[in-house]
Amino acid sequence: MATPSKSMTTSEFAKATGIPVATIAKMIQEGKLKAKKEGNKWMVLSSQLESKIVRELGKTRKPPKPKKPSKAAAAARTIKTPAARASATSPPEPPVAASPGPRVVPAVATPAPEPAPHPQEKTYSIAEFATMTYLTEKGVCEWLKIGRLQGVKTEAGDWRVLESNLKVSDISRLVRK
């Protein structure tokens, strides 16, 4: 470790001990750690690395939790059509034991495929649809995700909202006049 006469900033001390900087600052304010103010920074003596409070906190410190992606980012990655959601939630087929006779596979109800839009049906980007209605872009994405809006995915992976959604009573009341 460092020699007792040296001092380190709170961030350097936090790195060396694995204790958050905010906790180090709080311990200095409470007088649990010896430090001196040099300019705008608190300098903690290196000898404090072996102090009782640091040893105790070092033992009980929990590892940091991994960050979860934001809800918007997760929604953008997981937007699926209703048919894709239905197939993802269908129960897996039970394993069939090998037998000398004909193989019998139990009938599993398969969801009906989502009707393809008419080739002439107009589509809107998420931003365009949000501009036309009182929905936000995030709201349009969420409604596509839960199946309240119908849309198609382009080859590029972008969603296009079908014009037929504007005729649905729940959505037609949200159209800007």
Protein backbone atom coordinates (compact mmCIF):
# COMPACT_ATOMS: atom_id res chain seq x y z
CA MET A 1 0.00 0.00 0.00
CA ALA A 2 0.97 3.65 0.12
CA THR A 3 3.28 5.22 2.66
CA PRO A 4 1.62 6.85 5.70
CA SER A 5 2.82 10.38 4.83
CA LYS A 6 1.11 10.48 1.45
CA SER A 7 -2.43 11.64 0.94
CA MET A 8 -4.93 10.97 -1.82
CA THR A 9 -8.09 12.61 -3.11
CA THR A 10 -11.45 11.20 -2.12
CA SER A 11 -11.90 9.63 -5.56
CA GLU A 12 -8.46 7.98 -5.41
CA PHE A 13 -9.21 6.75 -1.89
CA ALA A 14 -12.59 5.42 -3.04
CA LYS A 15 -10.94 3.48 -5.88
CA ALA A 16 -8.33 2.04 -3.52
CA THR A 17 -10.93 0.88 -0.99
CA GLY A 18 -13.86 0.07 -3.27
CA ILE A 19 -16.12 2.36 -1.24
CA PRO A 20 -18.23 4.97 -3.08
CA VAL A 21 -16.92 8.55 -3.10
CA ALA A 22 -20.14 9.79 -1.48
CA THR A 23 -19.59 7.42 1.45
CA ILE A 24 -15.99 8.61 1.82
CA ALA A 25 -17.16 12.25 1.89
CA LYS A 26 -19.82 11.40 4.47
CA MET A 27 -17.27 9.63 6.68
CA ILE A 28 -14.99 12.70 6.49
CA GLN A 29 -17.86 15.01 7.49
CA GLU A 30 -18.77 12.72 10.39
CA GLY A 31 -15.13 12.65 11.51
CA LYS A 32 -14.73 8.92 10.98
CA LEU A 33 -11.87 9.45 8.49
CA LYS A 34 -8.97 11.81 8.96
CA ALA A 35 -8.58 14.19 6.03
CA LYS A 36 -7.46 17.73 5.35
CA LYS A 37 -8.79 20.29 2.91
CA GLU A 38 -6.31 21.42 0.24
CA GLY A 39 -7.86 24.02 -2.03
CA ASN A 40 -11.23 22.65 -3.15
CA LYS A 41 -10.40 19.00 -2.48
CA TRP A 42 -10.33 16.81 0.56
CA MET A 43 -7.09 14.87 0.87
CA VAL A 44 -7.34 11.61 2.84
CA LEU A 45 -4.19 10.30 4.49
CA SER A 46 -3.02 6.98 3.08
CA SER A 47 -2.76 5.66 6.63
CA GLN A 48 -6.58 5.68 6.69
CA LEU A 49 -6.57 2.72 4.29
CA GLU A 50 -5.97 0.49 7.33
CA SER A 51 -8.52 2.23 9.57
CA LYS A 52 -11.19 0.18 11.32
CA ILE A 53 -14.13 1.86 9.54
CA VAL A 54 -12.62 1.18 6.09
CA ARG A 55 -12.00 -2.46 6.97
CA GLU A 56 -15.60 -2.83 8.19
CA LEU A 57 -17.08 -1.19 5.09
CA GLY A 58 -14.81 -3.21 2.85
CA LYS A 59 -16.20 -6.45 4.32
CA THR A 60 -19.88 -5.54 4.05
CA ARG A 61 -19.74 -3.77 0.72
CA LYS A 62 -22.07 -5.31 -1.85
CA PRO A 63 -20.98 -5.60 -5.46
CA PRO A 64 -22.68 -3.05 -7.73
CA LYS A 65 -25.75 -4.25 -9.57
CA PRO A 66 -25.50 -4.37 -13.36
CA LYS A 67 -27.41 -1.58 -15.07
CA LYS A 68 -30.65 -2.51 -16.72
CA PRO A 69 -31.45 -1.04 -20.11
CA SER A 70 -34.00 1.72 -20.11
CA LYS A 71 -37.61 0.78 -20.73
CA ALA A 72 -37.65 2.67 -24.03
CA ALA A 73 -34.57 0.85 -25.29
CA ALA A 74 -35.96 -2.50 -24.18
CA ALA A 75 -39.30 -1.74 -25.84
CA ALA A 76 -37.60 -0.77 -29.09
CA ARG A 77 -35.75 -4.09 -29.15
CA THR A 78 -38.73 -6.23 -28.18
CA ILE A 79 -41.57 -4.81 -30.27
CA LYS A 80 -43.30 -7.77 -31.85
CA THR A 81 -46.41 -8.29 -33.89
CA PRO A 82 -49.34 -9.95 -32.10
CA ALA A 83 -48.74 -13.16 -34.07
CA ALA A 84 -45.08 -13.24 -33.00
CA ARG A 85 -46.09 -12.68 -29.36
CA ALA A 86 -48.66 -15.48 -29.55
CA SER A 87 -46.13 -17.92 -31.00
CA ALA A 88 -43.57 -16.92 -28.37
CA THR A 89 -46.03 -17.70 -25.58
CA SER A 90 -47.37 -20.98 -26.99
CA PRO A 91 -46.48 -24.01 -24.88
CA PRO A 92 -43.59 -26.14 -26.11
CA GLU A 93 -44.40 -29.50 -27.66
CA PRO A 94 -43.95 -32.40 -25.25
CA PRO A 95 -41.12 -34.79 -26.09
CA VAL A 96 -42.23 -37.92 -27.90
CA ALA A 97 -40.60 -41.18 -26.94
CA ALA A 98 -39.17 -43.23 -29.78
CA SER A 99 -41.44 -46.16 -30.54
CA PRO A 100 -41.46 -48.78 -33.29
CA GLY A 101 -44.99 -47.75 -34.43
CA PRO A 102 -46.14 -44.59 -36.15
CA ARG A 103 -45.29 -41.37 -34.43
CA VAL A 104 -48.26 -39.52 -32.92
CA VAL A 105 -47.86 -35.81 -32.38
CA PRO A 106 -50.48 -34.07 -30.25
CA ALA A 107 -52.35 -31.28 -31.99
CA VAL A 108 -51.30 -27.88 -30.72
CA ALA A 109 -53.47 -24.91 -31.53
CA THR A 110 -51.39 -22.65 -33.72
CA PRO A 111 -52.26 -18.97 -33.78
CA ALA A 112 -53.73 -17.66 -36.98
CA PRO A 113 -51.17 -15.73 -38.99
CA GLU A 114 -51.60 -11.98 -38.88
CA PRO A 115 -53.34 -10.78 -42.02
CA ALA A 116 -50.93 -9.03 -44.34
CA PRO A 117 -51.81 -5.42 -45.17
CA HIS A 118 -53.29 -4.72 -48.55
CA PRO A 119 -50.53 -3.67 -50.93
CA GLN A 120 -52.40 -0.41 -51.51
CA GLU A 121 -52.83 0.38 -47.80
CA LYS A 122 -50.90 3.43 -46.76
CA THR A 123 -48.46 3.21 -43.85
CA TYR A 124 -46.92 5.88 -41.63
CA SER A 125 -43.66 6.03 -39.72
CA ILE A 126 -43.93 6.15 -35.95
CA ALA A 127 -43.04 9.85 -35.96
CA GLU A 128 -45.63 10.63 -38.65
CA PHE A 129 -48.35 8.71 -36.81
CA ALA A 130 -47.48 10.46 -33.53
CA THR A 131 -47.73 13.84 -35.31
CA MET A 132 -51.15 12.94 -36.71
CA THR A 133 -52.52 11.84 -33.33
CA TYR A 134 -52.30 12.91 -29.72
CA LEU A 135 -49.94 10.00 -29.04
CA THR A 136 -46.24 10.41 -28.41
CA GLU A 137 -43.69 8.39 -30.36
CA LYS A 138 -43.14 6.30 -27.23
CA GLY A 139 -46.88 5.76 -26.95
CA VAL A 140 -47.09 4.59 -30.57
CA CYS A 141 -44.24 2.13 -29.91
CA GLU A 142 -45.95 0.84 -26.76
CA TRP A 143 -49.28 0.41 -28.55
CA LEU A 144 -47.55 -1.47 -31.37
CA LYS A 145 -45.88 -3.63 -28.75
CA ILE A 146 -49.10 -4.58 -26.96
CA GLY A 147 -51.05 -4.98 -30.21
CA ARG A 148 -53.37 -2.01 -29.79
CA LEU A 149 -52.00 -0.65 -33.09
CA GLN A 150 -51.36 -2.75 -36.17
CA GLY A 151 -48.14 -2.27 -38.08
CA VAL A 152 -45.60 -3.91 -40.33
CA LYS A 153 -41.85 -4.08 -40.03
CA THR A 154 -39.75 -3.03 -43.01
CA GLU A 155 -36.67 -4.89 -44.22
CA ALA A 156 -34.60 -2.24 -42.45
CA GLY A 157 -36.29 -3.15 -39.15
CA ASP A 158 -38.37 0.04 -38.86
CA TRP A 159 -42.04 -0.10 -37.94
CA ARG A 160 -44.72 1.32 -40.23
CA VAL A 161 -48.18 1.93 -38.74
CA LEU A 162 -51.13 0.90 -40.93
CA GLU A 163 -53.61 3.55 -42.02
CA SER A 164 -56.52 1.25 -41.09
CA ASN A 165 -55.72 2.05 -37.42
CA LEU A 166 -57.18 5.52 -37.97
CA LYS A 167 -60.61 3.94 -38.56
CA VAL A 168 -60.64 2.12 -35.20
CA SER A 169 -62.88 3.98 -32.73
CA ASP A 170 -60.31 3.97 -29.90
CA ILE A 171 -57.73 5.58 -32.14
CA SER A 172 -59.92 7.75 -34.36
CA ARG A 173 -60.81 9.90 -31.33
CA LEU A 174 -57.08 10.65 -30.90
CA VAL A 175 -56.62 12.06 -34.41
CA ARG A 176 -55.63 15.73 -34.40
CA LYS A 177 -58.21 17.93 -36.11
